[in-house]
Amino acid sequence: MGQPVTVIEKPSLRGGTVRYELNRALTGMGHERYSPDDVIVGDRPVDVLARRIFEHGGVDRLHINGSVVTVDLAKGGSSAGIKEVIEGLYTYYRPGVEVPTFEDASAE
């Protein structure tokens, strides 16, 4: 359940950089930059996405502007799986998570 994000992965002319184009804007007109050493405390979609991408591993830097996510991979890092992390940004019920029912809500 949730809203899947459509993502197109595009390699950059600069080696080790991958660009992802999304079907929705995450930052409006602002630029957001993250590095693995940053403490990301916000709950905005860009903050959540940054945490998830860094948890995925193999990333040196992350830049998000509007509907474009640019990932600078770490040396030896791979872009495998990053597209799926972005696509699942708004998917709330993941495998292993029990979906609430109407009966659960009325019992409370």
PDB file of N, CA and C in Angstrom:
ATOM      1  N   MET A   1       0.851  -1.165   0.000  1.00  0.00           N
ATOM      2  CA  MET A   1       0.000   0.000   0.000  1.00  0.00           C
ATOM      3  C   MET A   1       0.897   1.228   0.000  1.00  0.00           C
ATOM      4  N   GLY A   2       0.462   2.272  -0.640  1.00  0.00           N
ATOM      5  CA  GLY A   2       1.250   3.489  -0.744  1.00  0.00           C
ATOM      6  C   GLY A   2       1.299   3.932  -2.187  1.00  0.00           C
ATOM      7  N   GLN A   3       2.161   4.866  -2.458  1.00  0.00           N
ATOM      8  CA  GLN A   3       2.275   5.422  -3.797  1.00  0.00           C
ATOM      9  C   GLN A   3       3.637   5.085  -4.373  1.00  0.00           C
ATOM     10  N   PRO A   4       3.697   4.204  -5.359  1.00  0.00           N
ATOM     11  CA  PRO A   4       4.989   3.914  -5.962  1.00  0.00           C
ATOM     12  C   PRO A   4       5.521   5.132  -6.709  1.00  0.00           C
ATOM     13  N   VAL A   5       6.804   5.316  -6.663  1.00  0.00           N
ATOM     14  CA  VAL A   5       7.467   6.400  -7.370  1.00  0.00           C
ATOM     15  C   VAL A   5       8.060   5.805  -8.637  1.00  0.00           C
ATOM     16  N   THR A   6       7.785   6.430  -9.780  1.00  0.00           N
ATOM     17  CA  THR A   6       8.371   5.977 -11.032  1.00  0.00           C
ATOM     18  C   THR A   6       9.757   6.597 -11.150  1.00  0.00           C
ATOM     19  N   VAL A   7      10.758   5.756 -11.418  1.00  0.00           N
ATOM     20  CA  VAL A   7      12.150   6.208 -11.442  1.00  0.00           C
ATOM     21  C   VAL A   7      12.817   5.743 -12.729  1.00  0.00           C
ATOM     22  N   ILE A   8      13.553   6.655 -13.356  1.00  0.00           N
ATOM     23  CA  ILE A   8      14.368   6.319 -14.518  1.00  0.00           C
ATOM     24  C   ILE A   8      15.825   6.527 -14.119  1.00  0.00           C
ATOM     25  N   GLU A   9      16.624   5.485 -14.223  1.00  0.00           N
ATOM     26  CA  GLU A   9      18.039   5.554 -13.867  1.00  0.00           C
ATOM     27  C   GLU A   9      18.841   5.918 -15.106  1.00  0.00           C
ATOM     28  N   LYS A  10      19.683   6.952 -14.971  1.00  0.00           N
ATOM     29  CA  LYS A  10      20.506   7.394 -16.088  1.00  0.00           C
ATOM     30  C   LYS A  10      21.951   7.534 -15.638  1.00  0.00           C
ATOM     31  N   PRO A  11      22.874   6.929 -16.382  1.00  0.00           N
ATOM     32  CA  PRO A  11      24.284   7.115 -16.035  1.00  0.00           C
ATOM     33  C   PRO A  11      24.715   8.540 -16.374  1.00  0.00           C
ATOM     34  N   SER A  12      25.678   9.022 -15.662  1.00  0.00           N
ATOM     35  CA  SER A  12      26.208  10.358 -15.911  1.00  0.00           C
ATOM     36  C   SER A  12      27.462  10.248 -16.770  1.00  0.00           C
ATOM     37  N   LEU A  13      27.823  11.345 -17.396  1.00  0.00           N
ATOM     38  CA  LEU A  13      29.070  11.358 -18.152  1.00  0.00           C
ATOM     39  C   LEU A  13      30.271  11.243 -17.219  1.00  0.00           C
ATOM     40  N   ARG A  14      30.087  11.673 -15.980  1.00  0.00           N
ATOM     41  CA  ARG A  14      31.149  11.571 -14.976  1.00  0.00           C
ATOM     42  C   ARG A  14      31.066  10.199 -14.322  1.00  0.00           C
ATOM     43  N   GLY A  15      32.120   9.421 -14.433  1.00  0.00           N
ATOM     44  CA  GLY A  15      32.123   8.073 -13.869  1.00  0.00           C
ATOM     45  C   GLY A  15      31.845   8.065 -12.377  1.00  0.00           C
ATOM     46  N   GLY A  16      31.119   7.054 -11.934  1.00  0.00           N
ATOM     47  CA  GLY A  16      30.807   6.915 -10.517  1.00  0.00           C
ATOM     48  C   GLY A  16      29.625   7.745 -10.066  1.00  0.00           C
ATOM     49  N   THR A  17      28.942   8.390 -10.992  1.00  0.00           N
ATOM     50  CA  THR A  17      27.775   9.200 -10.669  1.00  0.00           C
ATOM     51  C   THR A  17      26.573   8.661 -11.432  1.00  0.00           C
ATOM     52  N   VAL A  18      25.459   8.513 -10.735  1.00  0.00           N
ATOM     53  CA  VAL A  18      24.232   8.017 -11.354  1.00  0.00           C
ATOM     54  C   VAL A  18      23.128   9.021 -11.047  1.00  0.00           C
ATOM     55  N   ARG A  19      22.297   9.297 -12.045  1.00  0.00           N
ATOM     56  CA  ARG A  19      21.199  10.240 -11.883  1.00  0.00           C
ATOM     57  C   ARG A  19      19.882   9.482 -11.992  1.00  0.00           C
ATOM     58  N   TYR A  20      18.964   9.822 -11.097  1.00  0.00           N
ATOM     59  CA  TYR A  20      17.641   9.210 -11.084  1.00  0.00           C
ATOM     60  C   TYR A  20      16.606  10.306 -11.292  1.00  0.00           C
ATOM     61  N   GLU A  21      15.745  10.120 -12.285  1.00  0.00           N
ATOM     62  CA  GLU A  21      14.676  11.082 -12.549  1.00  0.00           C
ATOM     63  C   GLU A  21      13.363  10.478 -12.057  1.00  0.00           C
ATOM     64  N   LEU A  22      12.642  11.230 -11.217  1.00  0.00           N
ATOM     65  CA  LEU A  22      11.425  10.756 -10.574  1.00  0.00           C
ATOM     66  C   LEU A  22      10.201  11.415 -11.195  1.00  0.00           C
ATOM     67  N   ASN A  23       9.054  10.811 -10.982  1.00  0.00           N
ATOM     68  CA  ASN A  23       7.811  11.378 -11.493  1.00  0.00           C
ATOM     69  C   ASN A  23       7.175  12.369 -10.514  1.00  0.00           C
ATOM     70  N   ARG A  24       7.879  12.744  -9.489  1.00  0.00           N
ATOM     71  CA  ARG A  24       7.376  13.741  -8.550  1.00  0.00           C
ATOM     72  C   ARG A  24       8.541  14.512  -7.935  1.00  0.00           C
ATOM     73  N   ALA A  25       8.295  15.750  -7.608  1.00  0.00           N
ATOM     74  CA  ALA A  25       9.327  16.588  -6.995  1.00  0.00           C
ATOM     75  C   ALA A  25       9.416  16.296  -5.507  1.00  0.00           C
ATOM     76  N   LEU A  26      10.629  16.250  -5.003  1.00  0.00           N
ATOM     77  CA  LEU A  26      10.846  16.010  -3.582  1.00  0.00           C
ATOM     78  C   LEU A  26      11.252  17.281  -2.843  1.00  0.00           C
ATOM     79  N   THR A  27      11.869  18.244  -3.552  1.00  0.00           N
ATOM     80  CA  THR A  27      12.401  19.424  -2.875  1.00  0.00           C
ATOM     81  C   THR A  27      11.819  20.734  -3.339  1.00  0.00           C
ATOM     82  N   GLY A  28      10.907  20.735  -4.272  1.00  0.00           N
ATOM     83  CA  GLY A  28      10.481  22.007  -4.836  1.00  0.00           C
ATOM     84  C   GLY A  28      11.628  22.567  -5.645  1.00  0.00           C
ATOM     85  N   MET A  29      12.014  23.822  -5.408  1.00  0.00           N
ATOM     86  CA  MET A  29      13.108  24.422  -6.166  1.00  0.00           C
ATOM     87  C   MET A  29      14.417  24.393  -5.399  1.00  0.00           C
ATOM     88  N   GLY A  30      14.406  23.864  -4.192  1.00  0.00           N
ATOM     89  CA  GLY A  30      15.599  23.856  -3.367  1.00  0.00           C
ATOM     90  C   GLY A  30      16.529  22.700  -3.680  1.00  0.00           C
ATOM     91  N   HIS A  31      17.786  22.879  -3.283  1.00  0.00           N
ATOM     92  CA  HIS A  31      18.805  21.847  -3.413  1.00  0.00           C
ATOM     93  C   HIS A  31      19.072  21.262  -2.029  1.00  0.00           C
ATOM     94  N   GLU A  32      19.192  19.957  -1.961  1.00  0.00           N
ATOM     95  CA  GLU A  32      19.545  19.284  -0.703  1.00  0.00           C
ATOM     96  C   GLU A  32      20.779  18.442  -0.967  1.00  0.00           C
ATOM     97  N   ARG A  33      21.794  18.604  -0.121  1.00  0.00           N
ATOM     98  CA  ARG A  33      23.037  17.842  -0.264  1.00  0.00           C
ATOM     99  C   ARG A  33      23.288  17.066   1.020  1.00  0.00           C
ATOM    100  N   TYR A  34      23.709  15.822   0.857  1.00  0.00           N
ATOM    101  CA  TYR A  34      23.964  14.959   2.009  1.00  0.00           C
ATOM    102  C   TYR A  34      25.273  14.209   1.803  1.00  0.00           C
ATOM    103  N   SER A  35      25.935  13.925   2.902  1.00  0.00           N
ATOM    104  CA  SER A  35      27.110  13.048   2.878  1.00  0.00           C
ATOM    105  C   SER A  35      26.943  12.023   3.994  1.00  0.00           C
ATOM    106  N   PRO A  36      27.701  10.925   3.935  1.00  0.00           N
ATOM    107  CA  PRO A  36      27.518   9.864   4.943  1.00  0.00           C
ATOM    108  C   PRO A  36      27.773  10.324   6.379  1.00  0.00           C
ATOM    109  N   ASP A  37      28.565  11.386   6.560  1.00  0.00           N
ATOM    110  CA  ASP A  37      28.875  11.863   7.904  1.00  0.00           C
ATOM    111  C   ASP A  37      27.793  12.763   8.491  1.00  0.00           C
ATOM    112  N   ASP A  38      26.850  13.200   7.662  1.00  0.00           N
ATOM    113  CA  ASP A  38      25.774  14.073   8.131  1.00  0.00           C
ATOM    114  C   ASP A  38      24.833  13.313   9.063  1.00  0.00           C
ATOM    115  N   VAL A  39      24.364  14.008  10.080  1.00  0.00           N
ATOM    116  CA  VAL A  39      23.299  13.476  10.927  1.00  0.00           C
ATOM    117  C   VAL A  39      21.995  13.998  10.332  1.00  0.00           C
ATOM    118  N   ILE A  40      21.208  13.103   9.766  1.00  0.00           N
ATOM    119  CA  ILE A  40      19.975  13.487   9.087  1.00  0.00           C
ATOM    120  C   ILE A  40      18.820  13.258  10.050  1.00  0.00           C
ATOM    121  N   VAL A  41      18.280  14.335  10.588  1.00  0.00           N
ATOM    122  CA  VAL A  41      17.271  14.203  11.631  1.00  0.00           C
ATOM    123  C   VAL A  41      15.857  14.507  11.166  1.00  0.00           C
ATOM    124  N   GLY A  42      15.696  15.153  10.026  1.00  0.00           N
ATOM    125  CA  GLY A  42      14.365  15.557   9.562  1.00  0.00           C
ATOM    126  C   GLY A  42      13.504  14.380   9.135  1.00  0.00           C
ATOM    127  N   ASP A  43      12.212  14.658   8.978  1.00  0.00           N
ATOM    128  CA  ASP A  43      11.261  13.642   8.519  1.00  0.00           C
ATOM    129  C   ASP A  43      10.681  13.977   7.151  1.00  0.00           C
ATOM    130  N   ARG A  44      11.253  14.976   6.473  1.00  0.00           N
ATOM    131  CA  ARG A  44      10.793  15.290   5.123  1.00  0.00           C
ATOM    132  C   ARG A  44      11.130  14.120   4.205  1.00  0.00           C
ATOM    133  N   PRO A  45      10.400  13.965   3.111  1.00  0.00           N
ATOM    134  CA  PRO A  45      10.706  12.858   2.195  1.00  0.00           C
ATOM    135  C   PRO A  45      12.161  12.814   1.749  1.00  0.00           C
ATOM    136  N   VAL A  46      12.779  13.990   1.517  1.00  0.00           N
ATOM    137  CA  VAL A  46      14.186  13.980   1.095  1.00  0.00           C
ATOM    138  C   VAL A  46      15.094  13.450   2.196  1.00  0.00           C
ATOM    139  N   ASP A  47      14.782  13.763   3.448  1.00  0.00           N
ATOM    140  CA  ASP A  47      15.584  13.274   4.571  1.00  0.00           C
ATOM    141  C   ASP A  47      15.449  11.758   4.717  1.00  0.00           C
ATOM    142  N   VAL A  48      14.217  11.278   4.614  1.00  0.00           N
ATOM    143  CA  VAL A  48      13.973   9.837   4.712  1.00  0.00           C
ATOM    144  C   VAL A  48      14.694   9.106   3.584  1.00  0.00           C
ATOM    145  N   LEU A  49      14.592   9.647   2.376  1.00  0.00           N
ATOM    146  CA  LEU A  49      15.256   9.018   1.233  1.00  0.00           C
ATOM    147  C   LEU A  49      16.762   9.013   1.412  1.00  0.00           C
ATOM    148  N   ALA A  50      17.330  10.104   1.873  1.00  0.00           N
ATOM    149  CA  ALA A  50      18.777  10.165   2.094  1.00  0.00           C
ATOM    150  C   ALA A  50      19.216   9.106   3.105  1.00  0.00           C
ATOM    151  N   ARG A  51      18.498   8.991   4.212  1.00  0.00           N
ATOM    152  CA  ARG A  51      18.852   7.967   5.211  1.00  0.00           C
ATOM    153  C   ARG A  51      18.804   6.570   4.596  1.00  0.00           C
ATOM    154  N   ARG A  52      17.751   6.286   3.832  1.00  0.00           N
ATOM    155  CA  ARG A  52      17.603   4.951   3.237  1.00  0.00           C
ATOM    156  C   ARG A  52      18.712   4.662   2.227  1.00  0.00           C
ATOM    157  N   ILE A  53      19.072   5.653   1.429  1.00  0.00           N
ATOM    158  CA  ILE A  53      20.131   5.427   0.430  1.00  0.00           C
ATOM    159  C   ILE A  53      21.469   5.199   1.122  1.00  0.00           C
ATOM    160  N   PHE A  54      21.779   5.960   2.164  1.00  0.00           N
ATOM    161  CA  PHE A  54      23.034   5.743   2.881  1.00  0.00           C
ATOM    162  C   PHE A  54      23.033   4.407   3.627  1.00  0.00           C
ATOM    163  N   GLU A  55      21.874   3.991   4.131  1.00  0.00           N
ATOM    164  CA  GLU A  55      21.775   2.668   4.769  1.00  0.00           C
ATOM    165  C   GLU A  55      22.009   1.562   3.746  1.00  0.00           C
ATOM    166  N   HIS A  56      21.619   1.809   2.506  1.00  0.00           N
ATOM    167  CA  HIS A  56      21.846   0.845   1.419  1.00  0.00           C
ATOM    168  C   HIS A  56      23.341   0.610   1.238  1.00  0.00           C
ATOM    169  N   GLY A  57      24.125   1.678   1.384  1.00  0.00           N
ATOM    170  CA  GLY A  57      25.584   1.572   1.319  1.00  0.00           C
ATOM    171  C   GLY A  57      26.164   1.863  -0.057  1.00  0.00           C
ATOM    172  N   GLY A  58      27.481   2.110  -0.068  1.00  0.00           N
ATOM    173  CA  GLY A  58      28.202   2.333  -1.306  1.00  0.00           C
ATOM    174  C   GLY A  58      28.030   3.713  -1.898  1.00  0.00           C
ATOM    175  N   VAL A  59      27.653   4.708  -1.077  1.00  0.00           N
ATOM    176  CA  VAL A  59      27.392   6.052  -1.579  1.00  0.00           C
ATOM    177  C   VAL A  59      28.273   7.059  -0.838  1.00  0.00           C
ATOM    178  N   ASP A  60      28.932   7.943  -1.609  1.00  0.00           N
ATOM    179  CA  ASP A  60      29.759   9.006  -1.027  1.00  0.00           C
ATOM    180  C   ASP A  60      28.989  10.294  -0.798  1.00  0.00           C
ATOM    181  N   ARG A  61      28.186  10.684  -1.774  1.00  0.00           N
ATOM    182  CA  ARG A  61      27.425  11.928  -1.673  1.00  0.00           C
ATOM    183  C   ARG A  61      26.088  11.770  -2.363  1.00  0.00           C
ATOM    184  N   LEU A  62      25.176  12.632  -1.962  1.00  0.00           N
ATOM    185  CA  LEU A  62      23.822  12.589  -2.501  1.00  0.00           C
ATOM    186  C   LEU A  62      23.347  14.025  -2.692  1.00  0.00           C
ATOM    187  N   HIS A  63      22.771  14.301  -3.855  1.00  0.00           N
ATOM    188  CA  HIS A  63      22.222  15.624  -4.150  1.00  0.00           C
ATOM    189  C   HIS A  63      20.821  15.424  -4.695  1.00  0.00           C
ATOM    190  N   ILE A  64      19.872  16.154  -4.122  1.00  0.00           N
ATOM    191  CA  ILE A  64      18.481  16.056  -4.571  1.00  0.00           C
ATOM    192  C   ILE A  64      18.005  17.462  -4.912  1.00  0.00           C
ATOM    193  N   ASN A  65      17.484  17.619  -6.124  1.00  0.00           N
ATOM    194  CA  ASN A  65      16.941  18.902  -6.563  1.00  0.00           C
ATOM    195  C   ASN A  65      15.673  18.633  -7.348  1.00  0.00           C
ATOM    196  N   GLY A  66      14.553  19.072  -6.799  1.00  0.00           N
ATOM    197  CA  GLY A  66      13.277  18.856  -7.471  1.00  0.00           C
ATOM    198  C   GLY A  66      12.986  17.376  -7.604  1.00  0.00           C
ATOM    199  N   SER A  67      12.952  16.892  -8.836  1.00  0.00           N
ATOM    200  CA  SER A  67      12.648  15.479  -9.079  1.00  0.00           C
ATOM    201  C   SER A  67      13.863  14.700  -9.576  1.00  0.00           C
ATOM    202  N   VAL A  68      15.056  15.224  -9.305  1.00  0.00           N
ATOM    203  CA  VAL A  68      16.288  14.552  -9.740  1.00  0.00           C
ATOM    204  C   VAL A  68      17.138  14.222  -8.516  1.00  0.00           C
ATOM    205  N   VAL A  69      17.520  12.963  -8.411  1.00  0.00           N
ATOM    206  CA  VAL A  69      18.395  12.494  -7.344  1.00  0.00           C
ATOM    207  C   VAL A  69      19.715  12.096  -7.995  1.00  0.00           C
ATOM    208  N   THR A  70      20.809  12.744  -7.570  1.00  0.00           N
ATOM    209  CA  THR A  70      22.132  12.440  -8.109  1.00  0.00           C
ATOM    210  C   THR A  70      22.945  11.757  -7.020  1.00  0.00           C
ATOM    211  N   VAL A  71      23.478  10.584  -7.337  1.00  0.00           N
ATOM    212  CA  VAL A  71      24.216   9.781  -6.374  1.00  0.00           C
ATOM    213  C   VAL A  71      25.656   9.646  -6.837  1.00  0.00           C
ATOM    214  N   ASP A  72      26.588  10.059  -5.984  1.00  0.00           N
ATOM    215  CA  ASP A  72      28.011   9.814  -6.226  1.00  0.00           C
ATOM    216  C   ASP A  72      28.373   8.549  -5.473  1.00  0.00           C
ATOM    217  N   LEU A  73      28.722   7.522  -6.224  1.00  0.00           N
ATOM    218  CA  LEU A  73      29.025   6.231  -5.623  1.00  0.00           C
ATOM    219  C   LEU A  73      30.407   6.243  -4.981  1.00  0.00           C
ATOM    220  N   ALA A  74      30.558   5.482  -3.915  1.00  0.00           N
ATOM    221  CA  ALA A  74      31.858   5.300  -3.288  1.00  0.00           C
ATOM    222  C   ALA A  74      32.729   4.450  -4.198  1.00  0.00           C
ATOM    223  N   LYS A  75      34.019   4.533  -4.007  1.00  0.00           N
ATOM    224  CA  LYS A  75      34.927   3.723  -4.815  1.00  0.00           C
ATOM    225  C   LYS A  75      34.572   2.251  -4.622  1.00  0.00           C
ATOM    226  N   GLY A  76      34.301   1.571  -5.706  1.00  0.00           N
ATOM    227  CA  GLY A  76      33.888   0.174  -5.653  1.00  0.00           C
ATOM    228  C   GLY A  76      32.404  -0.009  -5.383  1.00  0.00           C
ATOM    229  N   GLY A  77      31.675   1.094  -5.189  1.00  0.00           N
ATOM    230  CA  GLY A  77      30.242   1.011  -4.917  1.00  0.00           C
ATOM    231  C   GLY A  77      29.453   0.731  -6.184  1.00  0.00           C
ATOM    232  N   SER A  78      28.253   0.248  -6.005  1.00  0.00           N
ATOM    233  CA  SER A  78      27.392  -0.109  -7.124  1.00  0.00           C
ATOM    234  C   SER A  78      26.044   0.577  -6.965  1.00  0.00           C
ATOM    235  N   SER A  79      25.425   0.869  -8.098  1.00  0.00           N
ATOM    236  CA  SER A  79      24.092   1.473  -8.050  1.00  0.00           C
ATOM    237  C   SER A  79      22.991   0.421  -7.907  1.00  0.00           C
ATOM    238  N   ALA A  80      23.365  -0.833  -7.874  1.00  0.00           N
ATOM    239  CA  ALA A  80      22.373  -1.909  -7.773  1.00  0.00           C
ATOM    240  C   ALA A  80      21.520  -1.733  -6.518  1.00  0.00           C
ATOM    241  N   GLY A  81      20.211  -1.684  -6.718  1.00  0.00           N
ATOM    242  CA  GLY A  81      19.266  -1.595  -5.616  1.00  0.00           C
ATOM    243  C   GLY A  81      18.856  -0.185  -5.228  1.00  0.00           C
ATOM    244  N   ILE A  82      19.587   0.833  -5.669  1.00  0.00           N
ATOM    245  CA  ILE A  82      19.239   2.197  -5.286  1.00  0.00           C
ATOM    246  C   ILE A  82      17.923   2.620  -5.926  1.00  0.00           C
ATOM    247  N   LYS A  83      17.709   2.236  -7.168  1.00  0.00           N
ATOM    248  CA  LYS A  83      16.455   2.575  -7.851  1.00  0.00           C
ATOM    249  C   LYS A  83      15.265   2.037  -7.059  1.00  0.00           C
ATOM    250  N   GLU A  84      15.376   0.820  -6.560  1.00  0.00           N
ATOM    251  CA  GLU A  84      14.297   0.210  -5.792  1.00  0.00           C
ATOM    252  C   GLU A  84      14.071   0.933  -4.463  1.00  0.00           C
ATOM    253  N   VAL A  85      15.153   1.432  -3.852  1.00  0.00           N
ATOM    254  CA  VAL A  85      15.009   2.203  -2.614  1.00  0.00           C
ATOM    255  C   VAL A  85      14.184   3.455  -2.883  1.00  0.00           C
ATOM    256  N   ILE A  86      14.473   4.136  -3.993  1.00  0.00           N
ATOM    257  CA  ILE A  86      13.736   5.354  -4.340  1.00  0.00           C
ATOM    258  C   ILE A  86      12.285   5.018  -4.680  1.00  0.00           C
ATOM    259  N   GLU A  87      12.065   3.971  -5.440  1.00  0.00           N
ATOM    260  CA  GLU A  87      10.703   3.586  -5.828  1.00  0.00           C
ATOM    261  C   GLU A  87       9.837   3.266  -4.608  1.00  0.00           C
ATOM    262  N   GLY A  88      10.433   2.776  -3.543  1.00  0.00           N
ATOM    263  CA  GLY A  88       9.686   2.395  -2.348  1.00  0.00           C
ATOM    264  C   GLY A  88       9.546   3.495  -1.316  1.00  0.00           C
ATOM    265  N   LEU A  89       9.906   4.731  -1.677  1.00  0.00           N
ATOM    266  CA  LEU A  89       9.872   5.828  -0.709  1.00  0.00           C
ATOM    267  C   LEU A  89       8.505   5.990  -0.055  1.00  0.00           C
ATOM    268  N   TYR A  90       7.434   5.887  -0.820  1.00  0.00           N
ATOM    269  CA  TYR A  90       6.087   6.094  -0.283  1.00  0.00           C
ATOM    270  C   TYR A  90       5.312   4.790  -0.105  1.00  0.00           C
ATOM    271  N   THR A  91       6.006   3.669  -0.108  1.00  0.00           N
ATOM    272  CA  THR A  91       5.361   2.383   0.135  1.00  0.00           C
ATOM    273  C   THR A  91       5.445   2.116   1.637  1.00  0.00           C
ATOM    274  N   TYR A  92       4.298   2.118   2.288  1.00  0.00           N
ATOM    275  CA  TYR A  92       4.293   2.044   3.740  1.00  0.00           C
ATOM    276  C   TYR A  92       4.215   0.630   4.296  1.00  0.00           C
ATOM    277  N   TYR A  93       3.581  -0.271   3.559  1.00  0.00           N
ATOM    278  CA  TYR A  93       3.455  -1.635   4.069  1.00  0.00           C
ATOM    279  C   TYR A  93       4.405  -2.527   3.297  1.00  0.00           C
ATOM    280  N   ARG A  94       5.487  -2.871   3.927  1.00  0.00           N
ATOM    281  CA  ARG A  94       6.531  -3.680   3.317  1.00  0.00           C
ATOM    282  C   ARG A  94       6.401  -5.121   3.793  1.00  0.00           C
ATOM    283  N   PRO A  95       7.064  -6.054   3.126  1.00  0.00           N
ATOM    284  CA  PRO A  95       7.006  -7.444   3.573  1.00  0.00           C
ATOM    285  C   PRO A  95       7.405  -7.561   5.047  1.00  0.00           C
ATOM    286  N   GLY A  96       6.623  -8.328   5.777  1.00  0.00           N
ATOM    287  CA  GLY A  96       6.892  -8.531   7.193  1.00  0.00           C
ATOM    288  C   GLY A  96       6.172  -7.558   8.109  1.00  0.00           C
ATOM    289  N   VAL A  97       5.551  -6.526   7.545  1.00  0.00           N
ATOM    290  CA  VAL A  97       4.810  -5.551   8.343  1.00  0.00           C
ATOM    291  C   VAL A  97       3.347  -5.944   8.314  1.00  0.00           C
ATOM    292  N   GLU A  98       2.756  -6.098   9.492  1.00  0.00           N
ATOM    293  CA  GLU A  98       1.351  -6.505   9.573  1.00  0.00           C
ATOM    294  C   GLU A  98       0.457  -5.328   9.220  1.00  0.00           C
ATOM    295  N   VAL A  99      -0.409  -5.519   8.275  1.00  0.00           N
ATOM    296  CA  VAL A  99      -1.322  -4.473   7.828  1.00  0.00           C
ATOM    297  C   VAL A  99      -2.495  -4.387   8.806  1.00  0.00           C
ATOM    298  N   PRO A 100      -2.794  -3.185   9.345  1.00  0.00           N
ATOM    299  CA  PRO A 100      -3.920  -3.067  10.277  1.00  0.00           C
ATOM    300  C   PRO A 100      -5.250  -3.312   9.575  1.00  0.00           C
ATOM    301  N   THR A 101      -6.218  -3.779  10.339  1.00  0.00           N
ATOM    302  CA  THR A 101      -7.557  -4.028   9.805  1.00  0.00           C
ATOM    303  C   THR A 101      -8.542  -3.090  10.488  1.00  0.00           C
ATOM    304  N   PHE A 102      -9.766  -3.031   9.956  1.00  0.00           N
ATOM    305  CA  PHE A 102     -10.788  -2.206  10.566  1.00  0.00           C
ATOM    306  C   PHE A 102     -11.149  -2.713  11.960  1.00  0.00           C
ATOM    307  N   GLU A 103     -11.079  -4.023  12.150  1.00  0.00           N
ATOM    308  CA  GLU A 103     -11.388  -4.602  13.449  1.00  0.00           C
ATOM    309  C   GLU A 103     -10.372  -4.144  14.495  1.00  0.00           C
ATOM    310  N   ASP A 104      -9.096  -4.041  14.085  1.00  0.00           N
ATOM    311  CA  ASP A 104      -8.059  -3.555  15.019  1.00  0.00           C
ATOM    312  C   ASP A 104      -8.350  -2.127  15.449  1.00  0.00           C
ATOM    313  N   ALA A 105      -8.756  -1.299  14.494  1.00  0.00           N
ATOM    314  CA  ALA A 105      -9.035   0.107  14.786  1.00  0.00           C
ATOM    315  C   ALA A 105     -10.260   0.256  15.692  1.00  0.00           C
ATOM    316  N   SER A 106     -11.306  -0.540  15.479  1.00  0.00           N
ATOM    317  CA  SER A 106     -12.512  -0.411  16.295  1.00  0.00           C
ATOM    318  C   SER A 106     -12.289  -0.961  17.705  1.00  0.00           C
ATOM    319  N   ALA A 107     -11.357  -1.885  17.890  1.00  0.00           N
ATOM    320  CA  ALA A 107     -11.072  -2.424  19.223  1.00  0.00           C
ATOM    321  C   ALA A 107     -10.391  -1.404  20.103  1.00  0.00           C
ATOM    322  N   GLU A 108      -9.709  -0.464  19.511  1.00  0.00           N
ATOM    323  CA  GLU A 108      -9.015   0.559  20.302  1.00  0.00           C
ATOM    324  C   GLU A 108     -10.002   1.592  20.718  1.00  0.00           C
TER     325      GLU A 108
END
